[in-house]
Amino acid sequence: MEELPWQSFVGLRKGGVWQLYCQGPNYANFRTSSAAVIAPDGTWFGNLSLGVALAESHGCSINLAPYYETFDEGPSALRTAIDIGLGPGWAVKYQRQRRNDEIVGVCIWSPRGEWYESYHDLVNNSEFEFSDITCPWFIQRCRKAEVDYFLPPGSGWAASLGIVKNVYSPEGDLYRSHLQAMIAARVARPTGVLVREIEDYQTAVRGAHPRSTQRVMSATKLALLAGVSSSVIKRCLRGRNGLTTPQALYSISRCFDAERNAVALQQAAEVDGVDTAMYQRLMSDARSLRMDDRVY
């Protein structure tokens, strides 16, 4: 292995030097590079970040940017890190599809040798926040999650930009459908809960209405309350909300949330002509049964 000018990378300590070794220049790139840190007593640390951390603990001042400069794409990776808000000494390389050069991922290296496989990995294991990252690609993914799937803005939820509808949580967990992601973020209700809440509301209105018929709070009226089509409501009542659009699922979930939207639901029932006291009692009983059945 070829010894690089270690003075640029790990520095001196009393009684000896810490050295940085890497493979020859033909292999100096982000995909195949291999490096090791050698302690003054000759101990070999094949894990670069571990070796650097140990060198730092012995009083060395660490900055691996000169090492990254030796990589084939090092200078551009260092510039990219500065452009997107990570600062000097960091390196960022985009992973691209060969067939169309589309960005599909990112690799990040810190000035101390830590490697991160995504922005979520970076934020969850460093002092950076999502708001610190100004990468247009990542911002576009977050914007898609917020606009298309109604996921909490500014929290790190991100969605893939291609045909595949992968969604990533702030912790970096992968959801392979918008439905799973929306439920995990609590902007949509699980199928069983949603069906039960709609049915409980419909039953309470009909039970408190002087004319307890199928026309009272029908699927059409339920759809008007939620701002969706009656066919969407009917699909939900059959337990098939996976066939609805994110917009419809979001609207239905918000409308029939018996806890957060209780006032609006009661007002709609009163307009329909229910006995308010009886309606409240029936809704309270229904909620207790859902709790007993652990449907929430």
C-alpha atoms as a PDB file:
ATOM      1  CA  MET A   1       0.000   0.000   0.000  1.00  0.00           C
ATOM      2  CA  GLU A   2       1.142   3.499  -0.752  1.00  0.00           C
ATOM      3  CA  GLU A   3       1.732   5.951   2.052  1.00  0.00           C
ATOM      4  CA  LEU A   4       0.124   9.356   1.547  1.00  0.00           C
ATOM      5  CA  PRO A   5       1.511  12.544   3.156  1.00  0.00           C
ATOM      6  CA  TRP A   6      -0.007  11.803   6.557  1.00  0.00           C
ATOM      7  CA  GLN A   7       0.812  15.315   7.853  1.00  0.00           C
ATOM      8  CA  SER A   8      -2.118  16.639   5.807  1.00  0.00           C
ATOM      9  CA  PHE A   9      -4.539  14.250   7.401  1.00  0.00           C
ATOM     10  CA  VAL A  10      -3.997  13.203  10.993  1.00  0.00           C
ATOM     11  CA  GLY A  11      -1.080  15.179  12.415  1.00  0.00           C
ATOM     12  CA  LEU A  12       1.392  14.641  15.237  1.00  0.00           C
ATOM     13  CA  ARG A  13       1.267  13.499  18.818  1.00  0.00           C
ATOM     14  CA  LYS A  14       3.963  13.384  21.478  1.00  0.00           C
ATOM     15  CA  GLY A  15       6.196  10.361  21.171  1.00  0.00           C
ATOM     16  CA  GLY A  16       5.191   9.370  17.640  1.00  0.00           C
ATOM     17  CA  VAL A  17       3.023   9.971  14.596  1.00  0.00           C
ATOM     18  CA  TRP A  18      -0.351   8.773  13.405  1.00  0.00           C
ATOM     19  CA  GLN A  19      -0.195   7.727   9.751  1.00  0.00           C
ATOM     20  CA  LEU A  20      -2.822   7.384   7.044  1.00  0.00           C
ATOM     21  CA  TYR A  21      -2.378   4.688   4.393  1.00  0.00           C
ATOM     22  CA  CYS A  22      -4.502   4.092   1.317  1.00  0.00           C
ATOM     23  CA  GLN A  23      -4.418   2.058  -1.866  1.00  0.00           C
ATOM     24  CA  GLY A  24      -2.547   3.347  -4.889  1.00  0.00           C
ATOM     25  CA  PRO A  25      -3.793   6.263  -6.988  1.00  0.00           C
ATOM     26  CA  ASN A  26      -5.440   3.995  -9.568  1.00  0.00           C
ATOM     27  CA  TYR A  27      -7.975   3.033  -6.884  1.00  0.00           C
ATOM     28  CA  ALA A  28      -8.426   6.456  -5.346  1.00  0.00           C
ATOM     29  CA  ASN A  29     -12.140   6.994  -5.821  1.00  0.00           C
ATOM     30  CA  PHE A  30     -15.241   6.948  -3.673  1.00  0.00           C
ATOM     31  CA  ARG A  31     -16.425   3.585  -4.920  1.00  0.00           C
ATOM     32  CA  THR A  32     -13.317   1.466  -4.282  1.00  0.00           C
ATOM     33  CA  SER A  33     -11.067   3.482  -1.984  1.00  0.00           C
ATOM     34  CA  SER A  34      -9.624   1.728   1.022  1.00  0.00           C
ATOM     35  CA  ALA A  35      -7.732   3.386   3.847  1.00  0.00           C
ATOM     36  CA  ALA A  36      -6.331   2.599   7.274  1.00  0.00           C
ATOM     37  CA  VAL A  37      -4.962   4.568  10.198  1.00  0.00           C
ATOM     38  CA  ILE A  38      -1.725   3.396  11.833  1.00  0.00           C
ATOM     39  CA  ALA A  39      -1.113   4.303  15.481  1.00  0.00           C
ATOM     40  CA  PRO A  40       2.396   5.223  16.719  1.00  0.00           C
ATOM     41  CA  ASP A  41       2.759   1.752  18.254  1.00  0.00           C
ATOM     42  CA  GLY A  42       2.020   0.154  14.886  1.00  0.00           C
ATOM     43  CA  THR A  43      -1.578  -0.832  15.579  1.00  0.00           C
ATOM     44  CA  TRP A  44      -3.519  -0.979  12.298  1.00  0.00           C
ATOM     45  CA  PHE A  45      -7.100   0.368  12.223  1.00  0.00           C
ATOM     46  CA  GLY A  46      -8.851  -0.702   9.023  1.00  0.00           C
ATOM     47  CA  ASN A  47     -11.923   1.279  10.035  1.00  0.00           C
ATOM     48  CA  LEU A  48     -11.025   4.800   8.948  1.00  0.00           C
ATOM     49  CA  SER A  49     -13.473   6.668  11.183  1.00  0.00           C
ATOM     50  CA  LEU A  50     -12.444   4.615  14.230  1.00  0.00           C
ATOM     51  CA  GLY A  51      -8.768   5.272  13.609  1.00  0.00           C
ATOM     52  CA  VAL A  52      -9.374   8.983  13.127  1.00  0.00           C
ATOM     53  CA  ALA A  53     -11.423   9.144  16.346  1.00  0.00           C
ATOM     54  CA  LEU A  54      -8.575   7.489  18.268  1.00  0.00           C
ATOM     55  CA  ALA A  55      -6.054   9.874  16.742  1.00  0.00           C
ATOM     56  CA  GLU A  56      -8.256  12.801  17.776  1.00  0.00           C
ATOM     57  CA  SER A  57      -8.464  11.455  21.305  1.00  0.00           C
ATOM     58  CA  HIS A  58      -4.668  11.758  21.447  1.00  0.00           C
ATOM     59  CA  GLY A  59      -4.697  15.431  20.524  1.00  0.00           C
ATOM     60  CA  CYS A  60      -4.545  15.321  16.714  1.00  0.00           C
ATOM     61  CA  SER A  61      -6.439  17.843  14.621  1.00  0.00           C
ATOM     62  CA  ILE A  62      -8.351  15.922  11.954  1.00  0.00           C
ATOM     63  CA  ASN A  63      -9.416  17.033   8.496  1.00  0.00           C
ATOM     64  CA  LEU A  64      -9.632  14.430   5.753  1.00  0.00           C
ATOM     65  CA  ALA A  65     -10.517  16.895   2.990  1.00  0.00           C
ATOM     66  CA  PRO A  66      -6.990  16.657   1.467  1.00  0.00           C
ATOM     67  CA  TYR A  67      -7.426  12.875   1.403  1.00  0.00           C
ATOM     68  CA  TYR A  68     -10.786  13.202  -0.366  1.00  0.00           C
ATOM     69  CA  GLU A  69      -9.120  15.488  -2.918  1.00  0.00           C
ATOM     70  CA  THR A  70      -7.112  12.482  -4.137  1.00  0.00           C
ATOM     71  CA  PHE A  71     -10.271  10.628  -5.208  1.00  0.00           C
ATOM     72  CA  ASP A  72     -11.299  10.654  -8.857  1.00  0.00           C
ATOM     73  CA  GLU A  73     -14.470  12.604  -8.005  1.00  0.00           C
ATOM     74  CA  GLY A  74     -13.148  14.116  -4.794  1.00  0.00           C
ATOM     75  CA  PRO A  75     -13.006  17.815  -5.738  1.00  0.00           C
ATOM     76  CA  SER A  76     -16.571  17.808  -7.081  1.00  0.00           C
ATOM     77  CA  ALA A  77     -17.817  15.865  -4.037  1.00  0.00           C
ATOM     78  CA  LEU A  78     -16.243  18.446  -1.716  1.00  0.00           C
ATOM     79  CA  ARG A  79     -17.817  21.316  -3.676  1.00  0.00           C
ATOM     80  CA  THR A  80     -21.228  19.593  -3.602  1.00  0.00           C
ATOM     81  CA  ALA A  81     -21.089  19.309   0.189  1.00  0.00           C
ATOM     82  CA  ILE A  82     -20.456  23.046   0.506  1.00  0.00           C
ATOM     83  CA  ASP A  83     -23.213  23.874  -1.998  1.00  0.00           C
ATOM     84  CA  ILE A  84     -25.855  21.905  -0.077  1.00  0.00           C
ATOM     85  CA  GLY A  85     -25.016  23.303   3.344  1.00  0.00           C
ATOM     86  CA  LEU A  86     -22.751  20.673   4.942  1.00  0.00           C
ATOM     87  CA  GLY A  87     -19.670  22.857   4.931  1.00  0.00           C
ATOM     88  CA  PRO A  88     -15.934  22.488   4.197  1.00  0.00           C
ATOM     89  CA  GLY A  89     -14.308  19.100   4.618  1.00  0.00           C
ATOM     90  CA  TRP A  90     -17.486  17.130   3.903  1.00  0.00           C
ATOM     91  CA  ALA A  91     -17.858  15.142   0.682  1.00  0.00           C
ATOM     92  CA  VAL A  92     -21.117  14.217  -1.066  1.00  0.00           C
ATOM     93  CA  LYS A  93     -21.448  11.933  -4.073  1.00  0.00           C
ATOM     94  CA  TYR A  94     -24.741  11.224  -5.840  1.00  0.00           C
ATOM     95  CA  GLN A  95     -25.639   7.716  -6.931  1.00  0.00           C
ATOM     96  CA  ARG A  96     -27.134   7.737 -10.428  1.00  0.00           C
ATOM     97  CA  GLN A  97     -28.886   5.277 -12.696  1.00  0.00           C
ATOM     98  CA  ARG A  98     -26.745   4.358 -15.663  1.00  0.00           C
ATOM     99  CA  ARG A  99     -29.559   4.376 -18.202  1.00  0.00           C
ATOM    100  CA  ASN A 100     -30.773   7.940 -17.613  1.00  0.00           C
ATOM    101  CA  ASP A 101     -28.318   9.502 -15.117  1.00  0.00           C
ATOM    102  CA  GLU A 102     -31.190  10.034 -12.664  1.00  0.00           C
ATOM    103  CA  ILE A 103     -30.180  10.558  -9.029  1.00  0.00           C
ATOM    104  CA  VAL A 104     -31.328   7.620  -6.906  1.00  0.00           C
ATOM    105  CA  GLY A 105     -29.267   8.026  -3.759  1.00  0.00           C
ATOM    106  CA  VAL A 106     -26.423   9.791  -2.001  1.00  0.00           C
ATOM    107  CA  CYS A 107     -23.265   8.915  -0.082  1.00  0.00           C
ATOM    108  CA  ILE A 108     -21.781  11.316   2.449  1.00  0.00           C
ATOM    109  CA  TRP A 109     -18.348  11.435   4.112  1.00  0.00           C
ATOM    110  CA  SER A 110     -17.516  13.649   7.083  1.00  0.00           C
ATOM    111  CA  PRO A 111     -14.151  15.379   7.611  1.00  0.00           C
ATOM    112  CA  ARG A 112     -13.478  12.713  10.255  1.00  0.00           C
ATOM    113  CA  GLY A 113     -14.080   9.713   8.014  1.00  0.00           C
ATOM    114  CA  GLU A 114     -17.663   8.795   9.003  1.00  0.00           C
ATOM    115  CA  TRP A 115     -19.755   7.489   6.134  1.00  0.00           C
ATOM    116  CA  TYR A 116     -23.508   8.062   5.798  1.00  0.00           C
ATOM    117  CA  GLU A 117     -25.672   6.302   3.234  1.00  0.00           C
ATOM    118  CA  SER A 118     -28.483   8.881   3.141  1.00  0.00           C
ATOM    119  CA  TYR A 119     -29.509  12.292   4.449  1.00  0.00           C
ATOM    120  CA  HIS A 120     -31.741  10.512   6.960  1.00  0.00           C
ATOM    121  CA  ASP A 121     -28.725   8.539   8.188  1.00  0.00           C
ATOM    122  CA  LEU A 122     -26.783  11.803   8.484  1.00  0.00           C
ATOM    123  CA  VAL A 123     -29.449  13.659  10.463  1.00  0.00           C
ATOM    124  CA  ASN A 124     -30.108  10.736  12.795  1.00  0.00           C
ATOM    125  CA  ASN A 125     -26.426  10.245  13.589  1.00  0.00           C
ATOM    126  CA  SER A 126     -24.971  13.750  13.627  1.00  0.00           C
ATOM    127  CA  GLU A 127     -25.747  17.279  14.763  1.00  0.00           C
ATOM    128  CA  PHE A 128     -27.314  18.249  11.429  1.00  0.00           C
ATOM    129  CA  GLU A 129     -31.034  18.935  11.090  1.00  0.00           C
ATOM    130  CA  PHE A 130     -33.150  18.434   7.967  1.00  0.00           C
ATOM    131  CA  SER A 131     -33.469  22.210   7.705  1.00  0.00           C
ATOM    132  CA  ASP A 132     -29.670  22.438   7.308  1.00  0.00           C
ATOM    133  CA  ILE A 133     -29.727  20.444   4.060  1.00  0.00           C
ATOM    134  CA  THR A 134     -30.222  22.556   0.944  1.00  0.00           C
ATOM    135  CA  CYS A 135     -29.769  19.762  -1.615  1.00  0.00           C
ATOM    136  CA  PRO A 136     -32.357  20.404  -4.408  1.00  0.00           C
ATOM    137  CA  TRP A 137     -32.834  16.668  -4.967  1.00  0.00           C
ATOM    138  CA  PHE A 138     -33.637  16.030  -1.302  1.00  0.00           C
ATOM    139  CA  ILE A 139     -35.845  19.117  -1.013  1.00  0.00           C
ATOM    140  CA  GLN A 140     -37.826  17.944  -4.052  1.00  0.00           C
ATOM    141  CA  ARG A 141     -38.338  14.514  -2.446  1.00  0.00           C
ATOM    142  CA  CYS A 142     -39.536  16.117   0.790  1.00  0.00           C
ATOM    143  CA  ARG A 143     -41.835  18.434  -1.147  1.00  0.00           C
ATOM    144  CA  LYS A 144     -43.381  15.457  -2.948  1.00  0.00           C
ATOM    145  CA  ALA A 145     -44.064  13.716   0.378  1.00  0.00           C
ATOM    146  CA  GLU A 146     -45.692  16.850   1.790  1.00  0.00           C
ATOM    147  CA  VAL A 147     -47.790  17.805  -1.255  1.00  0.00           C
ATOM    148  CA  ASP A 148     -48.733  14.417  -2.710  1.00  0.00           C
ATOM    149  CA  TYR A 149     -49.083  12.411   0.508  1.00  0.00           C
ATOM    150  CA  PHE A 150     -49.889  15.140   3.095  1.00  0.00           C
ATOM    151  CA  LEU A 151     -46.982  14.091   5.301  1.00  0.00           C
ATOM    152  CA  PRO A 152     -45.837  16.550   8.013  1.00  0.00           C
ATOM    153  CA  PRO A 153     -43.842  19.391   6.407  1.00  0.00           C
ATOM    154  CA  GLY A 154     -40.282  20.071   7.451  1.00  0.00           C
ATOM    155  CA  SER A 155     -40.023  16.829   9.404  1.00  0.00           C
ATOM    156  CA  GLY A 156     -37.876  14.817   6.990  1.00  0.00           C
ATOM    157  CA  TRP A 157     -40.523  12.683   5.288  1.00  0.00           C
ATOM    158  CA  ALA A 158     -39.364  12.104   1.702  1.00  0.00           C
ATOM    159  CA  ALA A 159     -40.800  10.310  -1.328  1.00  0.00           C
ATOM    160  CA  SER A 160     -39.040   8.835  -4.354  1.00  0.00           C
ATOM    161  CA  LEU A 161     -39.423  10.853  -7.514  1.00  0.00           C
ATOM    162  CA  GLY A 162     -39.786   7.985  -9.983  1.00  0.00           C
ATOM    163  CA  ILE A 163     -42.602   5.573 -10.778  1.00  0.00           C
ATOM    164  CA  VAL A 164     -41.952   3.507  -7.636  1.00  0.00           C
ATOM    165  CA  LYS A 165     -43.861   5.040  -4.715  1.00  0.00           C
ATOM    166  CA  ASN A 166     -41.312   4.509  -1.959  1.00  0.00           C
ATOM    167  CA  VAL A 167     -41.607   6.816   1.037  1.00  0.00           C
ATOM    168  CA  TYR A 168     -39.009   7.351   3.763  1.00  0.00           C
ATOM    169  CA  SER A 169     -39.739   8.390   7.337  1.00  0.00           C
ATOM    170  CA  PRO A 170     -37.619  10.934   9.257  1.00  0.00           C
ATOM    171  CA  GLU A 171     -35.866   7.929  10.827  1.00  0.00           C
ATOM    172  CA  GLY A 172     -35.061   6.531   7.378  1.00  0.00           C
ATOM    173  CA  ASP A 173     -37.592   3.676   7.500  1.00  0.00           C
ATOM    174  CA  LEU A 174     -38.842   2.583   4.087  1.00  0.00           C
ATOM    175  CA  TYR A 175     -42.555   2.352   3.263  1.00  0.00           C
ATOM    176  CA  ARG A 176     -43.392   0.808  -0.079  1.00  0.00           C
ATOM    177  CA  SER A 177     -46.775   2.503  -0.402  1.00  0.00           C
ATOM    178  CA  HIS A 178     -48.181   5.931   0.353  1.00  0.00           C
ATOM    179  CA  LEU A 179     -50.927   4.277   2.423  1.00  0.00           C
ATOM    180  CA  GLN A 180     -48.424   2.707   4.830  1.00  0.00           C
ATOM    181  CA  ALA A 181     -46.529   5.974   5.138  1.00  0.00           C
ATOM    182  CA  MET A 182     -49.638   8.073   5.737  1.00  0.00           C
ATOM    183  CA  ILE A 183     -50.833   5.703   8.451  1.00  0.00           C
ATOM    184  CA  ALA A 184     -47.397   5.686  10.103  1.00  0.00           C
ATOM    185  CA  ALA A 185     -47.371   9.500  10.102  1.00  0.00           C
ATOM    186  CA  ARG A 186     -50.925   9.553  11.543  1.00  0.00           C
ATOM    187  CA  VAL A 187     -52.324  11.631   8.700  1.00  0.00           C
ATOM    188  CA  ALA A 188     -54.477   8.677   7.611  1.00  0.00           C
ATOM    189  CA  ARG A 189     -56.362   6.034   9.587  1.00  0.00           C
ATOM    190  CA  PRO A 190     -55.771   2.281   9.287  1.00  0.00           C
ATOM    191  CA  THR A 191     -58.452   0.560   7.226  1.00  0.00           C
ATOM    192  CA  GLY A 192     -60.136  -1.184  10.167  1.00  0.00           C
ATOM    193  CA  VAL A 193     -60.228   1.966  12.300  1.00  0.00           C
ATOM    194  CA  LEU A 194     -61.538   4.110   9.468  1.00  0.00           C
ATOM    195  CA  VAL A 195     -64.335   1.706   8.594  1.00  0.00           C
ATOM    196  CA  ARG A 196     -65.339   1.350  12.246  1.00  0.00           C
ATOM    197  CA  GLU A 197     -65.422   5.120  12.855  1.00  0.00           C
ATOM    198  CA  ILE A 198     -67.529   5.782   9.761  1.00  0.00           C
ATOM    199  CA  GLU A 199     -69.960   3.005  10.658  1.00  0.00           C
ATOM    200  CA  ASP A 200     -70.159   4.153  14.294  1.00  0.00           C
ATOM    201  CA  TYR A 201     -70.924   7.698  13.208  1.00  0.00           C
ATOM    202  CA  GLN A 202     -73.559   6.569  10.737  1.00  0.00           C
ATOM    203  CA  THR A 203     -75.150   4.295  13.364  1.00  0.00           C
ATOM    204  CA  ALA A 204     -75.184   7.051  15.995  1.00  0.00           C
ATOM    205  CA  VAL A 205     -76.854   9.535  13.649  1.00  0.00           C
ATOM    206  CA  ARG A 206     -79.474   7.029  12.582  1.00  0.00           C
ATOM    207  CA  GLY A 207     -80.076   5.914  16.169  1.00  0.00           C
ATOM    208  CA  ALA A 208     -80.621   9.504  17.344  1.00  0.00           C
ATOM    209  CA  HIS A 209     -82.761  10.508  14.362  1.00  0.00           C
ATOM    210  CA  PRO A 210     -86.575  10.482  14.499  1.00  0.00           C
ATOM    211  CA  ARG A 211     -86.609   8.673  11.148  1.00  0.00           C
ATOM    212  CA  SER A 212     -84.147   5.806  11.477  1.00  0.00           C
ATOM    213  CA  THR A 213     -83.954   4.846   7.799  1.00  0.00           C
ATOM    214  CA  GLN A 214     -81.223   4.058   5.292  1.00  0.00           C
ATOM    215  CA  ARG A 215     -81.575   7.547   3.872  1.00  0.00           C
ATOM    216  CA  VAL A 216     -80.404   9.119   7.106  1.00  0.00           C
ATOM    217  CA  MET A 217     -76.679   9.828   6.810  1.00  0.00           C
ATOM    218  CA  SER A 218     -76.424   7.792   3.633  1.00  0.00           C
ATOM    219  CA  ALA A 219     -73.166   7.156   1.781  1.00  0.00           C
ATOM    220  CA  THR A 220     -73.900  10.233  -0.330  1.00  0.00           C
ATOM    221  CA  LYS A 221     -74.192  12.442   2.772  1.00  0.00           C
ATOM    222  CA  LEU A 222     -71.071  10.913   4.285  1.00  0.00           C
ATOM    223  CA  ALA A 223     -69.242  11.668   1.061  1.00  0.00           C
ATOM    224  CA  LEU A 224     -70.411  15.289   1.116  1.00  0.00           C
ATOM    225  CA  LEU A 225     -69.095  15.675   4.659  1.00  0.00           C
ATOM    226  CA  ALA A 226     -65.671  14.350   3.673  1.00  0.00           C
ATOM    227  CA  GLY A 227     -65.522  16.126   0.328  1.00  0.00           C
ATOM    228  CA  VAL A 228     -65.154  12.935  -1.711  1.00  0.00           C
ATOM    229  CA  SER A 229     -67.332  10.911  -4.052  1.00  0.00           C
ATOM    230  CA  SER A 230     -69.859   8.426  -2.703  1.00  0.00           C
ATOM    231  CA  SER A 231     -68.038   5.612  -4.532  1.00  0.00           C
ATOM    232  CA  VAL A 232     -64.939   6.342  -2.457  1.00  0.00           C
ATOM    233  CA  ILE A 233     -66.939   6.130   0.776  1.00  0.00           C
ATOM    234  CA  LYS A 234     -68.492   2.857  -0.359  1.00  0.00           C
ATOM    235  CA  ARG A 235     -65.044   1.417  -1.113  1.00  0.00           C
ATOM    236  CA  CYS A 236     -63.834   2.458   2.337  1.00  0.00           C
ATOM    237  CA  LEU A 237     -66.842   0.843   4.008  1.00  0.00           C
ATOM    238  CA  ARG A 238     -65.933  -2.360   2.199  1.00  0.00           C
ATOM    239  CA  GLY A 239     -62.426  -2.123   3.657  1.00  0.00           C
ATOM    240  CA  ARG A 240     -60.822  -1.181   0.372  1.00  0.00           C
ATOM    241  CA  ASN A 241     -59.382   2.262   1.092  1.00  0.00           C
ATOM    242  CA  GLY A 242     -56.122   1.196  -0.559  1.00  0.00           C
ATOM    243  CA  LEU A 243     -57.886   1.907  -3.843  1.00  0.00           C
ATOM    244  CA  THR A 244     -58.496   5.551  -2.961  1.00  0.00           C
ATOM    245  CA  THR A 245     -56.213   8.448  -3.810  1.00  0.00           C
ATOM    246  CA  PRO A 246     -54.002  10.017  -1.118  1.00  0.00           C
ATOM    247  CA  GLN A 247     -56.212  13.133  -1.218  1.00  0.00           C
ATOM    248  CA  ALA A 248     -59.396  11.135  -0.629  1.00  0.00           C
ATOM    249  CA  LEU A 249     -57.843   9.017   2.101  1.00  0.00           C
ATOM    250  CA  TYR A 250     -56.528  12.125   3.853  1.00  0.00           C
ATOM    251  CA  SER A 251     -59.900  13.888   3.647  1.00  0.00           C
ATOM    252  CA  ILE A 252     -61.878  10.885   4.925  1.00  0.00           C
ATOM    253  CA  SER A 253     -59.442  10.254   7.764  1.00  0.00           C
ATOM    254  CA  ARG A 254     -59.635  13.859   8.947  1.00  0.00           C
ATOM    255  CA  CYS A 255     -63.411  14.084   8.606  1.00  0.00           C
ATOM    256  CA  PHE A 256     -64.309  10.943  10.564  1.00  0.00           C
ATOM    257  CA  ASP A 257     -61.683  11.227  13.278  1.00  0.00           C
ATOM    258  CA  ALA A 258     -64.133  11.006  16.184  1.00  0.00           C
ATOM    259  CA  GLU A 259     -61.686  12.662  18.591  1.00  0.00           C
ATOM    260  CA  ARG A 260     -60.193  15.540  16.622  1.00  0.00           C
ATOM    261  CA  ASN A 261     -63.255  16.380  14.543  1.00  0.00           C
ATOM    262  CA  ALA A 262     -65.961  15.746  17.132  1.00  0.00           C
ATOM    263  CA  VAL A 263     -67.469  19.254  16.959  1.00  0.00           C
ATOM    264  CA  ALA A 264     -67.905  19.275  13.178  1.00  0.00           C
ATOM    265  CA  LEU A 265     -69.376  15.760  13.184  1.00  0.00           C
ATOM    266  CA  GLN A 266     -71.899  16.703  15.853  1.00  0.00           C
ATOM    267  CA  GLN A 267     -72.869  19.871  13.994  1.00  0.00           C
ATOM    268  CA  ALA A 268     -73.495  17.870  10.822  1.00  0.00           C
ATOM    269  CA  ALA A 269     -75.625  15.411  12.785  1.00  0.00           C
ATOM    270  CA  GLU A 270     -77.649  18.239  14.349  1.00  0.00           C
ATOM    271  CA  VAL A 271     -78.276  19.756  10.930  1.00  0.00           C
ATOM    272  CA  ASP A 272     -79.607  16.361   9.898  1.00  0.00           C
ATOM    273  CA  GLY A 273     -82.103  16.534  12.780  1.00  0.00           C
ATOM    274  CA  VAL A 274     -80.791  14.235  15.517  1.00  0.00           C
ATOM    275  CA  ASP A 275     -81.521  14.357  19.224  1.00  0.00           C
ATOM    276  CA  THR A 276     -78.214  15.811  20.462  1.00  0.00           C
ATOM    277  CA  ALA A 277     -78.185  14.136  23.872  1.00  0.00           C
ATOM    278  CA  MET A 278     -78.928  10.727  22.386  1.00  0.00           C
ATOM    279  CA  TYR A 279     -76.333  11.245  19.642  1.00  0.00           C
ATOM    280  CA  GLN A 280     -73.658  12.098  22.222  1.00  0.00           C
ATOM    281  CA  ARG A 281     -74.524   9.050  24.279  1.00  0.00           C
ATOM    282  CA  LEU A 282     -74.395   6.739  21.256  1.00  0.00           C
ATOM    283  CA  MET A 283     -71.046   8.183  20.128  1.00  0.00           C
ATOM    284  CA  SER A 284     -69.634   7.797  23.636  1.00  0.00           C
ATOM    285  CA  ASP A 285     -70.802   4.181  23.786  1.00  0.00           C
ATOM    286  CA  ALA A 286     -69.296   3.515  20.361  1.00  0.00           C
ATOM    287  CA  ARG A 287     -65.962   4.987  21.439  1.00  0.00           C
ATOM    288  CA  SER A 288     -65.917   2.790  24.553  1.00  0.00           C
ATOM    289  CA  LEU A 289     -66.549  -0.297  22.452  1.00  0.00           C
ATOM    290  CA  ARG A 290     -63.718   0.664  20.079  1.00  0.00           C
ATOM    291  CA  MET A 291     -61.379   1.016  23.044  1.00  0.00           C
ATOM    292  CA  ASP A 292     -62.472  -2.375  24.377  1.00  0.00           C
ATOM    293  CA  ASP A 293     -61.880  -3.901  20.948  1.00  0.00           C
ATOM    294  CA  ARG A 294     -58.551  -2.031  20.622  1.00  0.00           C
ATOM    295  CA  VAL A 295     -59.670  -0.411  17.408  1.00  0.00           C
ATOM    296  CA  TYR A 296     -57.887   2.933  17.493  1.00  0.00           C
END
